[in-house]
Amino acid sequence: MPTHAPKKYLISHASLQHCFDKSRSGLEKLRESDPSFPRPIKFGPSKQAGVYFVVAEVEAWLESKISERDGVTRALSERDEQ
């Protein structure tokens, strides 16, 4: 069984917008309002340079948000039972 790290894949800014069903400005607002959101990788110094995100980082961020939500939901249900 291989012991090396999994490969890293990139997703474009436009594709991530589509995945999250957000506009360009909506995704930017999410990035600005949540410091834990993964930072993008920009290929080049120009404004037109491509912007990409590491898929594994986005997935880890999403998993943390799901866990956070589930923890709050569980805490609320336990509080209501008392």
PDB file of N, CA and C in Angstrom:
ATOM      1  N   MET A   1       0.851  -1.175   0.000  1.00  0.00           N
ATOM      2  CA  MET A   1       0.000   0.000   0.000  1.00  0.00           C
ATOM      3  C   MET A   1       0.898   1.239   0.000  1.00  0.00           C
ATOM      4  N   PRO A   2       0.661   2.200  -0.906  1.00  0.00           N
ATOM      5  CA  PRO A   2       1.496   3.402  -0.963  1.00  0.00           C
ATOM      6  C   PRO A   2       1.340   4.244   0.292  1.00  0.00           C
ATOM      7  N   THR A   3       2.445   4.867   0.699  1.00  0.00           N
ATOM      8  CA  THR A   3       2.405   5.702   1.902  1.00  0.00           C
ATOM      9  C   THR A   3       2.563   7.180   1.580  1.00  0.00           C
ATOM     10  N   HIS A   4       2.602   7.532   0.300  1.00  0.00           N
ATOM     11  CA  HIS A   4       2.762   8.936  -0.051  1.00  0.00           C
ATOM     12  C   HIS A   4       1.443   9.699   0.113  1.00  0.00           C
ATOM     13  N   ALA A   5       1.539  11.010   0.168  1.00  0.00           N
ATOM     14  CA  ALA A   5       0.361  11.864   0.350  1.00  0.00           C
ATOM     15  C   ALA A   5      -0.519  11.803  -0.892  1.00  0.00           C
ATOM     16  N   PRO A   6      -1.824  12.009  -0.707  1.00  0.00           N
ATOM     17  CA  PRO A   6      -2.718  12.006  -1.865  1.00  0.00           C
ATOM     18  C   PRO A   6      -2.388  13.161  -2.792  1.00  0.00           C
ATOM     19  N   LYS A   7      -2.739  12.999  -4.054  1.00  0.00           N
ATOM     20  CA  LYS A   7      -2.499  14.049  -5.038  1.00  0.00           C
ATOM     21  C   LYS A   7      -3.389  15.247  -4.735  1.00  0.00           C
ATOM     22  N   LYS A   8      -2.885  16.412  -5.068  1.00  0.00           N
ATOM     23  CA  LYS A   8      -3.641  17.648  -4.892  1.00  0.00           C
ATOM     24  C   LYS A   8      -4.238  18.037  -6.230  1.00  0.00           C
ATOM     25  N   TYR A   9      -5.507  18.315  -6.240  1.00  0.00           N
ATOM     26  CA  TYR A   9      -6.192  18.751  -7.446  1.00  0.00           C
ATOM     27  C   TYR A   9      -6.678  20.170  -7.242  1.00  0.00           C
ATOM     28  N   LEU A  10      -6.764  20.908  -8.335  1.00  0.00           N
ATOM     29  CA  LEU A  10      -7.218  22.294  -8.284  1.00  0.00           C
ATOM     30  C   LEU A  10      -8.584  22.426  -8.933  1.00  0.00           C
ATOM     31  N   ILE A  11      -9.330  23.425  -8.465  1.00  0.00           N
ATOM     32  CA  ILE A  11     -10.608  23.769  -9.068  1.00  0.00           C
ATOM     33  C   ILE A  11     -10.573  25.270  -9.339  1.00  0.00           C
ATOM     34  N   SER A  12     -11.071  25.665 -10.492  1.00  0.00           N
ATOM     35  CA  SER A  12     -11.032  27.075 -10.850  1.00  0.00           C
ATOM     36  C   SER A  12     -12.041  27.864 -10.021  1.00  0.00           C
ATOM     37  N   HIS A  13     -11.813  29.149  -9.963  1.00  0.00           N
ATOM     38  CA  HIS A  13     -12.733  30.040  -9.238  1.00  0.00           C
ATOM     39  C   HIS A  13     -14.140  29.905  -9.822  1.00  0.00           C
ATOM     40  N   ALA A  14     -14.234  29.899 -11.160  1.00  0.00           N
ATOM     41  CA  ALA A  14     -15.536  29.800 -11.820  1.00  0.00           C
ATOM     42  C   ALA A  14     -16.232  28.479 -11.490  1.00  0.00           C
ATOM     43  N   SER A  15     -15.480  27.382 -11.465  1.00  0.00           N
ATOM     44  CA  SER A  15     -16.078  26.081 -11.146  1.00  0.00           C
ATOM     45  C   SER A  15     -16.526  26.022  -9.693  1.00  0.00           C
ATOM     46  N   LEU A  16     -15.751  26.638  -8.803  1.00  0.00           N
ATOM     47  CA  LEU A  16     -16.136  26.662  -7.391  1.00  0.00           C
ATOM     48  C   LEU A  16     -17.402  27.494  -7.196  1.00  0.00           C
ATOM     49  N   GLN A  17     -17.515  28.588  -7.943  1.00  0.00           N
ATOM     50  CA  GLN A  17     -18.745  29.395  -7.901  1.00  0.00           C
ATOM     51  C   GLN A  17     -19.941  28.517  -8.260  1.00  0.00           C
ATOM     52  N   HIS A  18     -19.779  27.733  -9.307  1.00  0.00           N
ATOM     53  CA  HIS A  18     -20.865  26.864  -9.758  1.00  0.00           C
ATOM     54  C   HIS A  18     -21.202  25.815  -8.694  1.00  0.00           C
ATOM     55  N   CYS A  19     -20.180  25.215  -8.092  1.00  0.00           N
ATOM     56  CA  CYS A  19     -20.395  24.194  -7.055  1.00  0.00           C
ATOM     57  C   CYS A  19     -21.147  24.758  -5.849  1.00  0.00           C
ATOM     58  N   PHE A  20     -20.836  25.990  -5.472  1.00  0.00           N
ATOM     59  CA  PHE A  20     -21.445  26.619  -4.306  1.00  0.00           C
ATOM     60  C   PHE A  20     -22.705  27.403  -4.661  1.00  0.00           C
ATOM     61  N   ASP A  21     -23.045  27.441  -5.951  1.00  0.00           N
ATOM     62  CA  ASP A  21     -24.213  28.190  -6.441  1.00  0.00           C
ATOM     63  C   ASP A  21     -24.137  29.646  -5.978  1.00  0.00           C
ATOM     64  N   LYS A  22     -22.976  30.254  -6.210  1.00  0.00           N
ATOM     65  CA  LYS A  22     -22.747  31.641  -5.816  1.00  0.00           C
ATOM     66  C   LYS A  22     -22.207  32.423  -6.999  1.00  0.00           C
ATOM     67  N   SER A  23     -22.499  33.714  -6.995  1.00  0.00           N
ATOM     68  CA  SER A  23     -21.911  34.599  -7.992  1.00  0.00           C
ATOM     69  C   SER A  23     -20.455  34.844  -7.621  1.00  0.00           C
ATOM     70  N   ARG A  24     -19.740  35.510  -8.497  1.00  0.00           N
ATOM     71  CA  ARG A  24     -18.336  35.832  -8.216  1.00  0.00           C
ATOM     72  C   ARG A  24     -18.243  36.671  -6.945  1.00  0.00           C
ATOM     73  N   SER A  25     -19.095  37.687  -6.845  1.00  0.00           N
ATOM     74  CA  SER A  25     -19.047  38.546  -5.655  1.00  0.00           C
ATOM     75  C   SER A  25     -19.535  37.789  -4.419  1.00  0.00           C
ATOM     76  N   GLY A  26     -20.463  36.856  -4.585  1.00  0.00           N
ATOM     77  CA  GLY A  26     -20.945  36.057  -3.459  1.00  0.00           C
ATOM     78  C   GLY A  26     -19.859  35.182  -2.881  1.00  0.00           C
ATOM     79  N   LEU A  27     -19.042  34.595  -3.763  1.00  0.00           N
ATOM     80  CA  LEU A  27     -17.926  33.765  -3.294  1.00  0.00           C
ATOM     81  C   LEU A  27     -16.867  34.643  -2.631  1.00  0.00           C
ATOM     82  N   GLU A  28     -16.635  35.828  -3.174  1.00  0.00           N
ATOM     83  CA  GLU A  28     -15.673  36.751  -2.560  1.00  0.00           C
ATOM     84  C   GLU A  28     -16.145  37.178  -1.171  1.00  0.00           C
ATOM     85  N   LYS A  29     -17.430  37.435  -1.017  1.00  0.00           N
ATOM     86  CA  LYS A  29     -17.973  37.810   0.297  1.00  0.00           C
ATOM     87  C   LYS A  29     -17.801  36.673   1.296  1.00  0.00           C
ATOM     88  N   LEU A  30     -18.016  35.452   0.846  1.00  0.00           N
ATOM     89  CA  LEU A  30     -17.817  34.284   1.715  1.00  0.00           C
ATOM     90  C   LEU A  30     -16.348  34.205   2.156  1.00  0.00           C
ATOM     91  N   ARG A  31     -15.435  34.385   1.227  1.00  0.00           N
ATOM     92  CA  ARG A  31     -14.004  34.351   1.555  1.00  0.00           C
ATOM     93  C   ARG A  31     -13.639  35.450   2.547  1.00  0.00           C
ATOM     94  N   GLU A  32     -14.216  36.630   2.375  1.00  0.00           N
ATOM     95  CA  GLU A  32     -13.898  37.750   3.258  1.00  0.00           C
ATOM     96  C   GLU A  32     -14.510  37.582   4.647  1.00  0.00           C
ATOM     97  N   SER A  33     -15.698  37.005   4.714  1.00  0.00           N
ATOM     98  CA  SER A  33     -16.399  36.892   5.997  1.00  0.00           C
ATOM     99  C   SER A  33     -15.965  35.686   6.819  1.00  0.00           C
ATOM    100  N   ASP A  34     -15.338  34.696   6.188  1.00  0.00           N
ATOM    101  CA  ASP A  34     -14.919  33.481   6.890  1.00  0.00           C
ATOM    102  C   ASP A  34     -13.418  33.282   6.724  1.00  0.00           C
ATOM    103  N   PRO A  35     -12.644  33.678   7.735  1.00  0.00           N
ATOM    104  CA  PRO A  35     -11.185  33.547   7.614  1.00  0.00           C
ATOM    105  C   PRO A  35     -10.696  32.105   7.491  1.00  0.00           C
ATOM    106  N   SER A  36     -11.547  31.135   7.807  1.00  0.00           N
ATOM    107  CA  SER A  36     -11.128  29.735   7.681  1.00  0.00           C
ATOM    108  C   SER A  36     -11.310  29.209   6.252  1.00  0.00           C
ATOM    109  N   PHE A  37     -11.943  30.000   5.386  1.00  0.00           N
ATOM    110  CA  PHE A  37     -12.130  29.561   3.998  1.00  0.00           C
ATOM    111  C   PHE A  37     -10.762  29.468   3.322  1.00  0.00           C
ATOM    112  N   PRO A  38     -10.543  28.415   2.532  1.00  0.00           N
ATOM    113  CA  PRO A  38      -9.225  28.228   1.910  1.00  0.00           C
ATOM    114  C   PRO A  38      -8.810  29.421   1.044  1.00  0.00           C
ATOM    115  N   ARG A  39      -7.524  29.711   1.108  1.00  0.00           N
ATOM    116  CA  ARG A  39      -6.978  30.789   0.296  1.00  0.00           C
ATOM    117  C   ARG A  39      -6.703  30.279  -1.113  1.00  0.00           C
ATOM    118  N   PRO A  40      -6.975  31.105  -2.112  1.00  0.00           N
ATOM    119  CA  PRO A  40      -6.755  30.673  -3.495  1.00  0.00           C
ATOM    120  C   PRO A  40      -5.279  30.740  -3.889  1.00  0.00           C
ATOM    121  N   ILE A  41      -4.987  30.090  -4.982  1.00  0.00           N
ATOM    122  CA  ILE A  41      -3.671  30.141  -5.605  1.00  0.00           C
ATOM    123  C   ILE A  41      -3.847  30.904  -6.910  1.00  0.00           C
ATOM    124  N   LYS A  42      -3.058  31.928  -7.106  1.00  0.00           N
ATOM    125  CA  LYS A  42      -3.151  32.727  -8.325  1.00  0.00           C
ATOM    126  C   LYS A  42      -1.938  32.424  -9.186  1.00  0.00           C
ATOM    127  N   PHE A  43      -2.175  32.126 -10.447  1.00  0.00           N
ATOM    128  CA  PHE A  43      -1.108  31.803 -11.388  1.00  0.00           C
ATOM    129  C   PHE A  43      -0.762  33.031 -12.210  1.00  0.00           C
ATOM    130  N   GLY A  44       0.120  33.854 -11.671  1.00  0.00           N
ATOM    131  CA  GLY A  44       0.593  35.028 -12.380  1.00  0.00           C
ATOM    132  C   GLY A  44       0.259  36.310 -11.654  1.00  0.00           C
ATOM    133  N   PRO A  45       0.985  37.379 -11.974  1.00  0.00           N
ATOM    134  CA  PRO A  45       0.798  38.647 -11.272  1.00  0.00           C
ATOM    135  C   PRO A  45      -0.322  39.527 -11.819  1.00  0.00           C
ATOM    136  N   SER A  46      -0.797  39.258 -13.016  1.00  0.00           N
ATOM    137  CA  SER A  46      -1.802  40.142 -13.619  1.00  0.00           C
ATOM    138  C   SER A  46      -3.191  39.903 -13.028  1.00  0.00           C
ATOM    139  N   LYS A  47      -4.053  40.891 -13.209  1.00  0.00           N
ATOM    140  CA  LYS A  47      -5.433  40.745 -12.723  1.00  0.00           C
ATOM    141  C   LYS A  47      -6.174  39.632 -13.460  1.00  0.00           C
ATOM    142  N   GLN A  48      -5.763  39.365 -14.672  1.00  0.00           N
ATOM    143  CA  GLN A  48      -6.429  38.342 -15.481  1.00  0.00           C
ATOM    144  C   GLN A  48      -5.894  36.928 -15.225  1.00  0.00           C
ATOM    145  N   ALA A  49      -4.884  36.809 -14.383  1.00  0.00           N
ATOM    146  CA  ALA A  49      -4.302  35.489 -14.100  1.00  0.00           C
ATOM    147  C   ALA A  49      -5.337  34.569 -13.470  1.00  0.00           C
ATOM    148  N   GLY A  50      -5.249  33.305 -13.787  1.00  0.00           N
ATOM    149  CA  GLY A  50      -6.191  32.321 -13.261  1.00  0.00           C
ATOM    150  C   GLY A  50      -6.093  32.169 -11.751  1.00  0.00           C
ATOM    151  N   VAL A  51      -7.251  31.975 -11.122  1.00  0.00           N
ATOM    152  CA  VAL A  51      -7.329  31.774  -9.680  1.00  0.00           C
ATOM    153  C   VAL A  51      -7.917  30.382  -9.438  1.00  0.00           C
ATOM    154  N   TYR A  52      -7.232  29.603  -8.598  1.00  0.00           N
ATOM    155  CA  TYR A  52      -7.638  28.227  -8.332  1.00  0.00           C
ATOM    156  C   TYR A  52      -7.620  27.947  -6.833  1.00  0.00           C
ATOM    157  N   PHE A  53      -8.366  26.930  -6.446  1.00  0.00           N
ATOM    158  CA  PHE A  53      -8.413  26.471  -5.062  1.00  0.00           C
ATOM    159  C   PHE A  53      -8.008  25.011  -5.029  1.00  0.00           C
ATOM    160  N   VAL A  54      -7.380  24.589  -3.935  1.00  0.00           N
ATOM    161  CA  VAL A  54      -7.023  23.180  -3.745  1.00  0.00           C
ATOM    162  C   VAL A  54      -8.292  22.454  -3.288  1.00  0.00           C
ATOM    163  N   VAL A  55      -8.698  21.477  -4.054  1.00  0.00           N
ATOM    164  CA  VAL A  55      -9.951  20.761  -3.792  1.00  0.00           C
ATOM    165  C   VAL A  55      -9.954  20.153  -2.386  1.00  0.00           C
ATOM    166  N   ALA A  56      -8.853  19.557  -1.960  1.00  0.00           N
ATOM    167  CA  ALA A  56      -8.787  18.929  -0.634  1.00  0.00           C
ATOM    168  C   ALA A  56      -9.018  19.956   0.471  1.00  0.00           C
ATOM    169  N   GLU A  57      -8.517  21.183   0.289  1.00  0.00           N
ATOM    170  CA  GLU A  57      -8.720  22.227   1.294  1.00  0.00           C
ATOM    171  C   GLU A  57     -10.180  22.668   1.343  1.00  0.00           C
ATOM    172  N   VAL A  58     -10.800  22.784   0.189  1.00  0.00           N
ATOM    173  CA  VAL A  58     -12.220  23.165   0.141  1.00  0.00           C
ATOM    174  C   VAL A  58     -13.065  22.072   0.780  1.00  0.00           C
ATOM    175  N   GLU A  59     -12.755  20.817   0.484  1.00  0.00           N
ATOM    176  CA  GLU A  59     -13.498  19.703   1.084  1.00  0.00           C
ATOM    177  C   GLU A  59     -13.321  19.676   2.600  1.00  0.00           C
ATOM    178  N   ALA A  60     -12.109  19.914   3.084  1.00  0.00           N
ATOM    179  CA  ALA A  60     -11.861  19.936   4.527  1.00  0.00           C
ATOM    180  C   ALA A  60     -12.624  21.081   5.187  1.00  0.00           C
ATOM    181  N   TRP A  61     -12.658  22.242   4.541  1.00  0.00           N
ATOM    182  CA  TRP A  61     -13.410  23.389   5.062  1.00  0.00           C
ATOM    183  C   TRP A  61     -14.899  23.041   5.149  1.00  0.00           C
ATOM    184  N   LEU A  62     -15.415  22.428   4.100  1.00  0.00           N
ATOM    185  CA  LEU A  62     -16.828  22.050   4.076  1.00  0.00           C
ATOM    186  C   LEU A  62     -17.142  21.026   5.160  1.00  0.00           C
ATOM    187  N   GLU A  63     -16.255  20.047   5.358  1.00  0.00           N
ATOM    188  CA  GLU A  63     -16.447  19.056   6.421  1.00  0.00           C
ATOM    189  C   GLU A  63     -16.464  19.722   7.797  1.00  0.00           C
ATOM    190  N   SER A  64     -15.609  20.728   7.995  1.00  0.00           N
ATOM    191  CA  SER A  64     -15.587  21.416   9.289  1.00  0.00           C
ATOM    192  C   SER A  64     -16.887  22.179   9.509  1.00  0.00           C
ATOM    193  N   LYS A  65     -17.435  22.748   8.442  1.00  0.00           N
ATOM    194  CA  LYS A  65     -18.710  23.468   8.564  1.00  0.00           C
ATOM    195  C   LYS A  65     -19.856  22.502   8.875  1.00  0.00           C
ATOM    196  N   ILE A  66     -19.825  21.334   8.279  1.00  0.00           N
ATOM    197  CA  ILE A  66     -20.852  20.324   8.552  1.00  0.00           C
ATOM    198  C   ILE A  66     -20.737  19.855   9.999  1.00  0.00           C
ATOM    199  N   SER A  67     -19.512  19.603  10.466  1.00  0.00           N
ATOM    200  CA  SER A  67     -19.308  19.178  11.854  1.00  0.00           C
ATOM    201  C   SER A  67     -19.744  20.259  12.824  1.00  0.00           C
ATOM    202  N   GLU A  68     -19.428  21.493  12.496  1.00  0.00           N
ATOM    203  CA  GLU A  68     -19.838  22.630  13.329  1.00  0.00           C
ATOM    204  C   GLU A  68     -21.361  22.703  13.410  1.00  0.00           C
ATOM    205  N   ARG A  69     -22.012  22.553  12.269  1.00  0.00           N
ATOM    206  CA  ARG A  69     -23.471  22.567  12.232  1.00  0.00           C
ATOM    207  C   ARG A  69     -24.055  21.423  13.045  1.00  0.00           C
ATOM    208  N   ASP A  70     -23.511  20.236  12.859  1.00  0.00           N
ATOM    209  CA  ASP A  70     -24.024  19.067  13.576  1.00  0.00           C
ATOM    210  C   ASP A  70     -23.810  19.198  15.072  1.00  0.00           C
ATOM    211  N   GLY A  71     -22.701  19.793  15.470  1.00  0.00           N
ATOM    212  CA  GLY A  71     -22.445  20.011  16.893  1.00  0.00           C
ATOM    213  C   GLY A  71     -23.440  20.978  17.495  1.00  0.00           C
ATOM    214  N   VAL A  72     -23.773  22.038  16.779  1.00  0.00           N
ATOM    215  CA  VAL A  72     -24.761  23.014  17.252  1.00  0.00           C
ATOM    216  C   VAL A  72     -26.134  22.368  17.301  1.00  0.00           C
ATOM    217  N   THR A  73     -26.482  21.608  16.282  1.00  0.00           N
ATOM    218  CA  THR A  73     -27.777  20.930  16.244  1.00  0.00           C
ATOM    219  C   THR A  73     -27.906  19.955  17.410  1.00  0.00           C
ATOM    220  N   ARG A  74     -26.850  19.197  17.663  1.00  0.00           N
ATOM    221  CA  ARG A  74     -26.856  18.218  18.750  1.00  0.00           C
ATOM    222  C   ARG A  74     -26.984  18.940  20.103  1.00  0.00           C
ATOM    223  N   ALA A  75     -26.251  20.030  20.281  1.00  0.00           N
ATOM    224  CA  ALA A  75     -26.308  20.781  21.533  1.00  0.00           C
ATOM    225  C   ALA A  75     -27.701  21.358  21.759  1.00  0.00           C
ATOM    226  N   LEU A  76     -28.323  21.840  20.710  1.00  0.00           N
ATOM    227  CA  LEU A  76     -29.664  22.399  20.837  1.00  0.00           C
ATOM    228  C   LEU A  76     -30.685  21.312  21.185  1.00  0.00           C
ATOM    229  N   SER A  77     -30.562  20.147  20.564  1.00  0.00           N
ATOM    230  CA  SER A  77     -31.513  19.077  20.857  1.00  0.00           C
ATOM    231  C   SER A  77     -31.332  18.562  22.269  1.00  0.00           C
ATOM    232  N   GLU A  78     -30.092  18.502  22.754  1.00  0.00           N
ATOM    233  CA  GLU A  78     -29.850  18.072  24.128  1.00  0.00           C
ATOM    234  C   GLU A  78     -30.397  19.099  25.120  1.00  0.00           C
ATOM    235  N   ARG A  79     -30.284  20.361  24.792  1.00  0.00           N
ATOM    236  CA  ARG A  79     -30.792  21.416  25.659  1.00  0.00           C
ATOM    237  C   ARG A  79     -32.320  21.342  25.729  1.00  0.00           C
ATOM    238  N   ASP A  80     -32.958  21.077  24.589  1.00  0.00           N
ATOM    239  CA  ASP A  80     -34.417  20.990  24.553  1.00  0.00           C
ATOM    240  C   ASP A  80     -34.957  19.798  25.326  1.00  0.00           C
ATOM    241  N   GLU A  81     -34.161  18.737  25.434  1.00  0.00           N
ATOM    242  CA  GLU A  81     -34.583  17.538  26.156  1.00  0.00           C
ATOM    243  C   GLU A  81     -34.572  17.755  27.663  1.00  0.00           C
ATOM    244  N   GLN A  82     -33.832  18.721  28.125  1.00  0.00           N
ATOM    245  CA  GLN A  82     -33.713  18.943  29.580  1.00  0.00           C
ATOM    246  C   GLN A  82     -34.892  19.697  30.129  1.00  0.00           C
TER     247      GLN A  82
END
